C-alpha cells in the first residue's frame, strides 16, 4: 500500500477503549503512546483489537487510522485526542 501523506506513524494497538459513540485507540509508536479518538462505527468496521498493526496519518486537525486488510478500500478519518 502506498500513501502520499508524509505525516504518518506506524504503530501497534496497545488498547481499544470502546464507548457507545466514540472509541479511544492507544497506539505504541515507539517513544510514547499515541491516543486517537475515532467513532465506534469506524473501530467496529476495521475490527480493531490489541496487537493490530496500523498507520496513524495526521495533519494539524485530524488523524486517519489504516489497517491493512483484504478490503483495502476502507479508510476512516478520525480526530486526535490530546
Foldseek 3Di string as FASTA:
>chain_A
DDDPQPQKAKWFWAAWADDPFKIWTWTCRDPHIFIWIATNVLCVVVVDDGGFIWMWGDDPFWTKIAGDDPPRPDTDITGGDD
